[in-house]
Amino acid sequence: MEALSLDSLRTLYTKYEADLRKVKDAQRSLLRERGKAMKAQLDDVEAEISYMRLRELRPAKVVEIGTFYGWSTIWQLSALRDNGTGHLYSFDIVDHVVRNVPGELTGQWTFTKGDVRENLDSVPQDVDYLFIDADHGARFARWYIENLFPAVPGGTPTSVHDVYHGRRPKPFSEGSVIVKWLAENNVEFFTPSPAKSPAEYAEIAEIKKGLGLDEPVRDSRHNPMIFFDLPSL
């Protein structure tokens, strides 16, 4: 897949406009219906990018580390449903997600309750996409860099949430560890965070407005996720 950029995102938004509109409407309705039972984490742009990447890549095996109440889980499962193929393997120490994922999406989903550090053998081989949104401490970041990343094929598209809430990651955080590691391994990343990349965020907003996709699902614009491809380790 072409590396994420404003040009590639313009192509993706145009290509998946109709399907994305349906998913956004469904997610908006889900938020209204579930109320406080659904604590949505991903902001709109990073959720949309995640959906479109999964649509374009058509992965067979997606691994999600951290589900919380299932907002990201439902976005990803919606992409796999719309692809008509693929399976999501999710891991979390809490199981709120089980109560929130719509039944029609569960056929392409396996959830493992427990600390992924104690369930590494349950992570499938030949992962095609990796999504991380769990413990945001430096220790957990060092763990997955040293243990999970080597078990995932080089080149695997990967995203890590909660990195750029500001211009720089918070000191002693997961974000500071992963950004340093990416720099040491000469791996470029893309972020739609307006704190880190305000020009890119503004351009994405214009792309969405031009397609009539600018009605928000969530009233938030932090979008702190980073997207990159794992290097071969």
Protein backbone atom coordinates (compact mmCIF):
# COMPACT_ATOMS: atom_id res chain seq x y z
CA MET A 1 0.00 0.00 0.00
CA GLU A 2 1.18 3.54 -0.73
CA ALA A 3 2.60 5.29 2.34
CA LEU A 4 0.16 7.53 4.18
CA SER A 5 0.28 11.11 2.97
CA LEU A 6 -2.18 13.85 2.18
CA ASP A 7 -2.29 12.68 -1.44
CA SER A 8 -2.95 9.05 -0.51
CA LEU A 9 -5.59 10.09 2.04
CA ARG A 10 -7.35 12.21 -0.58
CA THR A 11 -7.49 9.11 -2.77
CA LEU A 12 -8.77 6.92 0.07
CA TYR A 13 -11.45 9.36 1.21
CA THR A 14 -12.71 9.64 -2.35
CA LYS A 15 -12.63 5.89 -2.96
CA TYR A 16 -14.43 4.94 0.26
CA GLU A 17 -16.68 7.98 0.60
CA ALA A 18 -20.00 6.11 0.38
CA ASP A 19 -19.03 3.28 2.72
CA LEU A 20 -17.38 5.66 5.16
CA ARG A 21 -20.52 7.77 5.28
CA LYS A 22 -22.57 4.69 6.26
CA VAL A 23 -20.11 3.66 8.97
CA LYS A 24 -19.98 7.18 10.41
CA ASP A 25 -23.78 7.26 10.56
CA ALA A 26 -23.81 3.87 12.29
CA GLN A 27 -21.18 4.92 14.81
CA ARG A 28 -23.03 8.15 15.52
CA SER A 29 -26.21 6.19 16.19
CA LEU A 30 -24.34 3.71 18.37
CA LEU A 31 -23.00 6.52 20.54
CA ARG A 32 -26.49 7.90 21.02
CA GLU A 33 -27.95 4.49 21.85
CA ARG A 34 -25.24 3.35 24.26
CA GLY A 35 -24.77 6.65 26.06
CA LYS A 36 -22.40 6.32 29.01
CA ALA A 37 -22.02 2.60 28.34
CA MET A 38 -19.81 3.48 25.37
CA LYS A 39 -16.71 5.54 26.11
CA ALA A 40 -15.37 6.32 22.66
CA GLN A 41 -11.60 6.71 22.46
CA LEU A 42 -10.57 7.24 18.84
CA ASP A 43 -11.26 10.65 17.37
CA ASP A 44 -12.89 10.89 13.95
CA VAL A 45 -9.91 11.34 11.64
CA GLU A 46 -7.76 8.59 13.13
CA ALA A 47 -10.78 6.25 13.19
CA GLU A 48 -11.56 7.03 9.55
CA ILE A 49 -7.94 6.50 8.51
CA SER A 50 -7.90 3.17 10.36
CA TYR A 51 -11.10 2.10 8.60
CA MET A 52 -9.83 3.11 5.15
CA ARG A 53 -6.43 1.47 5.64
CA LEU A 54 -8.10 -1.82 6.54
CA ARG A 55 -10.39 -1.53 3.55
CA GLU A 56 -7.47 -0.90 1.21
CA LEU A 57 -5.11 -3.49 2.70
CA ARG A 58 -7.74 -6.25 3.07
CA PRO A 59 -5.78 -7.97 5.88
CA ALA A 60 -6.51 -11.55 6.84
CA LYS A 61 -5.36 -11.14 10.47
CA VAL A 62 -5.67 -7.93 12.47
CA VAL A 63 -4.43 -7.73 16.06
CA GLU A 64 -5.78 -5.12 18.47
CA ILE A 65 -4.03 -4.58 21.79
CA GLY A 66 -6.46 -2.66 24.00
CA THR A 67 -10.20 -2.47 23.42
CA PHE A 68 -11.59 -0.67 26.49
CA TYR A 69 -15.29 -0.15 25.58
CA GLY A 70 -14.92 -1.26 21.96
CA TRP A 71 -15.01 1.93 19.91
CA SER A 72 -11.88 1.09 17.93
CA THR A 73 -12.95 -2.55 17.80
CA ILE A 74 -16.22 -1.67 16.09
CA TRP A 75 -14.51 0.62 13.57
CA GLN A 76 -12.10 -2.17 12.64
CA LEU A 77 -14.76 -4.87 12.50
CA SER A 78 -16.86 -2.61 10.28
CA ALA A 79 -13.96 -2.46 7.83
CA LEU A 80 -13.53 -6.24 7.83
CA ARG A 81 -17.27 -6.70 7.35
CA ASP A 82 -17.26 -4.33 4.40
CA ASN A 83 -14.27 -6.19 2.97
CA GLY A 84 -16.11 -9.48 3.33
CA THR A 85 -12.94 -11.06 4.69
CA GLY A 86 -10.46 -10.90 7.56
CA HIS A 87 -10.49 -11.60 11.30
CA LEU A 88 -9.80 -9.33 14.28
CA TYR A 89 -8.00 -10.70 17.36
CA SER A 90 -8.47 -8.36 20.33
CA PHE A 91 -6.78 -8.38 23.74
CA ASP A 92 -7.60 -6.45 26.92
CA ILE A 93 -7.57 -6.94 30.68
CA VAL A 94 -11.21 -5.80 30.88
CA ASP A 95 -14.16 -7.12 28.86
CA HIS A 96 -16.43 -4.06 28.49
CA VAL A 97 -16.05 -4.54 24.75
CA VAL A 98 -18.06 -7.77 24.80
CA ARG A 99 -21.21 -5.86 25.76
CA ASN A 100 -20.80 -3.23 23.06
CA VAL A 101 -19.81 -4.97 19.83
CA PRO A 102 -22.97 -5.53 17.74
CA GLY A 103 -23.80 -9.18 17.26
CA GLU A 104 -23.64 -8.97 13.48
CA LEU A 105 -19.93 -8.11 13.71
CA THR A 106 -18.80 -10.88 16.06
CA GLY A 107 -18.36 -13.55 13.38
CA GLN A 108 -15.02 -12.03 12.38
CA TRP A 109 -13.79 -11.47 15.92
CA THR A 110 -11.93 -13.28 18.70
CA PHE A 111 -11.54 -11.57 22.07
CA THR A 112 -9.01 -12.69 24.69
CA LYS A 113 -9.44 -11.30 28.19
CA GLY A 114 -6.17 -10.89 30.03
CA ASP A 115 -2.83 -9.12 29.91
CA VAL A 116 -1.34 -9.61 26.46
CA ARG A 117 2.08 -9.90 28.13
CA GLU A 118 0.84 -13.17 29.59
CA ASN A 119 -0.94 -14.25 26.40
CA LEU A 120 1.69 -13.64 23.75
CA ASP A 121 1.22 -17.21 22.49
CA SER A 122 -2.40 -16.30 21.65
CA VAL A 123 -1.31 -13.63 19.19
CA PRO A 124 -1.68 -15.24 15.76
CA GLN A 125 1.25 -15.71 13.44
CA ASP A 126 1.46 -13.79 10.17
CA VAL A 127 -0.26 -10.68 11.50
CA ASP A 128 -1.26 -8.33 8.66
CA TYR A 129 -2.18 -5.24 10.72
CA LEU A 130 -1.32 -4.23 14.28
CA PHE A 131 -3.26 -1.71 16.39
CA ILE A 132 -2.04 -0.72 19.87
CA ASP A 133 -4.08 1.32 22.35
CA ALA A 134 -3.53 -0.08 25.83
CA ASP A 135 -1.20 0.84 28.70
CA HIS A 136 0.41 4.18 27.80
CA GLY A 137 3.40 3.85 30.10
CA ALA A 138 7.01 3.61 28.96
CA ARG A 139 7.41 0.13 30.45
CA PHE A 140 4.63 -1.34 28.31
CA ALA A 141 6.04 0.32 25.19
CA ARG A 142 9.43 -1.23 25.87
CA TRP A 143 7.73 -4.59 26.36
CA TYR A 144 5.94 -4.60 23.03
CA ILE A 145 8.99 -3.29 21.19
CA GLU A 146 11.11 -6.10 22.64
CA ASN A 147 8.54 -8.92 22.59
CA LEU A 148 5.60 -8.24 20.28
CA PHE A 149 7.27 -6.43 17.39
CA PRO A 150 9.79 -9.25 16.72
CA ALA A 151 6.85 -11.70 16.48
CA VAL A 152 5.17 -9.63 13.76
CA PRO A 153 6.39 -9.70 10.13
CA GLY A 154 8.46 -6.77 8.95
CA GLY A 155 6.48 -4.31 6.88
CA THR A 156 3.27 -4.85 8.86
CA PRO A 157 1.14 -1.67 8.95
CA THR A 158 0.93 -0.55 12.57
CA SER A 159 -0.80 2.19 14.53
CA VAL A 160 -0.25 3.39 18.09
CA HIS A 161 -2.75 5.63 19.84
CA ASP A 162 -2.29 8.50 22.32
CA VAL A 163 1.15 9.64 21.17
CA TYR A 164 0.73 13.28 20.13
CA HIS A 165 -1.67 15.11 22.42
CA GLY A 166 0.92 17.90 22.29
CA ARG A 167 3.72 18.90 19.95
CA ARG A 168 5.89 16.26 21.64
CA PRO A 169 5.03 13.02 23.42
CA LYS A 170 4.81 13.28 27.18
CA PRO A 171 8.10 12.49 28.97
CA PHE A 172 8.47 8.92 30.26
CA SER A 173 5.40 7.86 28.26
CA GLU A 174 4.68 5.17 25.71
CA GLY A 175 4.75 7.88 23.07
CA SER A 176 8.24 9.05 23.96
CA VAL A 177 9.55 5.48 23.83
CA ILE A 178 7.98 4.54 20.50
CA VAL A 179 8.92 7.81 18.76
CA LYS A 180 12.53 7.41 19.90
CA TRP A 181 12.57 3.79 18.70
CA LEU A 182 11.16 4.75 15.30
CA ALA A 183 13.83 7.42 14.91
CA GLU A 184 16.59 4.98 15.87
CA ASN A 185 15.32 2.57 13.20
CA ASN A 186 14.82 5.25 10.54
CA VAL A 187 11.09 4.55 10.33
CA GLU A 188 8.88 7.40 9.18
CA PHE A 189 5.37 7.80 10.56
CA PHE A 190 2.25 9.79 9.79
CA THR A 191 0.05 11.50 12.37
CA PRO A 192 -3.15 13.49 11.89
CA SER A 193 -2.65 15.14 15.28
CA PRO A 194 -3.39 18.88 15.03
CA ALA A 195 -0.96 19.45 17.91
CA LYS A 196 1.91 17.83 15.99
CA SER A 197 0.82 18.31 12.37
CA PRO A 198 -1.63 21.23 12.18
CA ALA A 199 -1.23 21.81 8.44
CA GLU A 200 -1.92 18.16 7.65
CA TYR A 201 -4.93 18.11 9.96
CA ALA A 202 -6.33 21.24 8.32
CA GLU A 203 -5.88 19.74 4.85
CA ILE A 204 -7.66 16.53 5.90
CA ALA A 205 -10.51 18.66 7.25
CA GLU A 206 -10.77 20.35 3.85
CA ILE A 207 -10.79 17.00 2.05
CA LYS A 208 -13.64 15.82 4.29
CA LYS A 209 -15.55 19.06 3.85
CA GLY A 210 -15.29 18.81 0.08
CA LEU A 211 -16.80 15.33 0.18
CA GLY A 212 -19.50 16.24 2.68
CA LEU A 213 -17.96 13.98 5.34
CA ASP A 214 -17.30 16.72 7.87
CA GLU A 215 -20.25 16.13 10.20
CA PRO A 216 -18.53 14.91 13.37
CA VAL A 217 -19.17 11.60 15.05
CA ARG A 218 -17.27 12.64 18.17
CA ASP A 219 -16.85 16.19 19.38
CA SER A 220 -13.06 15.93 19.69
CA ARG A 221 -10.11 16.79 17.46
CA HIS A 222 -7.01 15.50 19.26
CA ASN A 223 -6.32 12.57 16.85
CA PRO A 224 -3.00 11.65 18.52
CA MET A 225 -2.41 8.35 16.70
CA ILE A 226 0.70 7.53 14.68
CA PHE A 227 0.75 5.22 11.65
CA PHE A 228 3.85 3.43 10.36
CA ASP A 229 5.10 0.16 8.90
CA LEU A 230 7.16 -2.07 11.15
CA PRO A 231 10.77 -2.47 10.06
CA SER A 232 12.24 -5.94 9.64
CA LEU A 233 13.80 -6.89 12.98
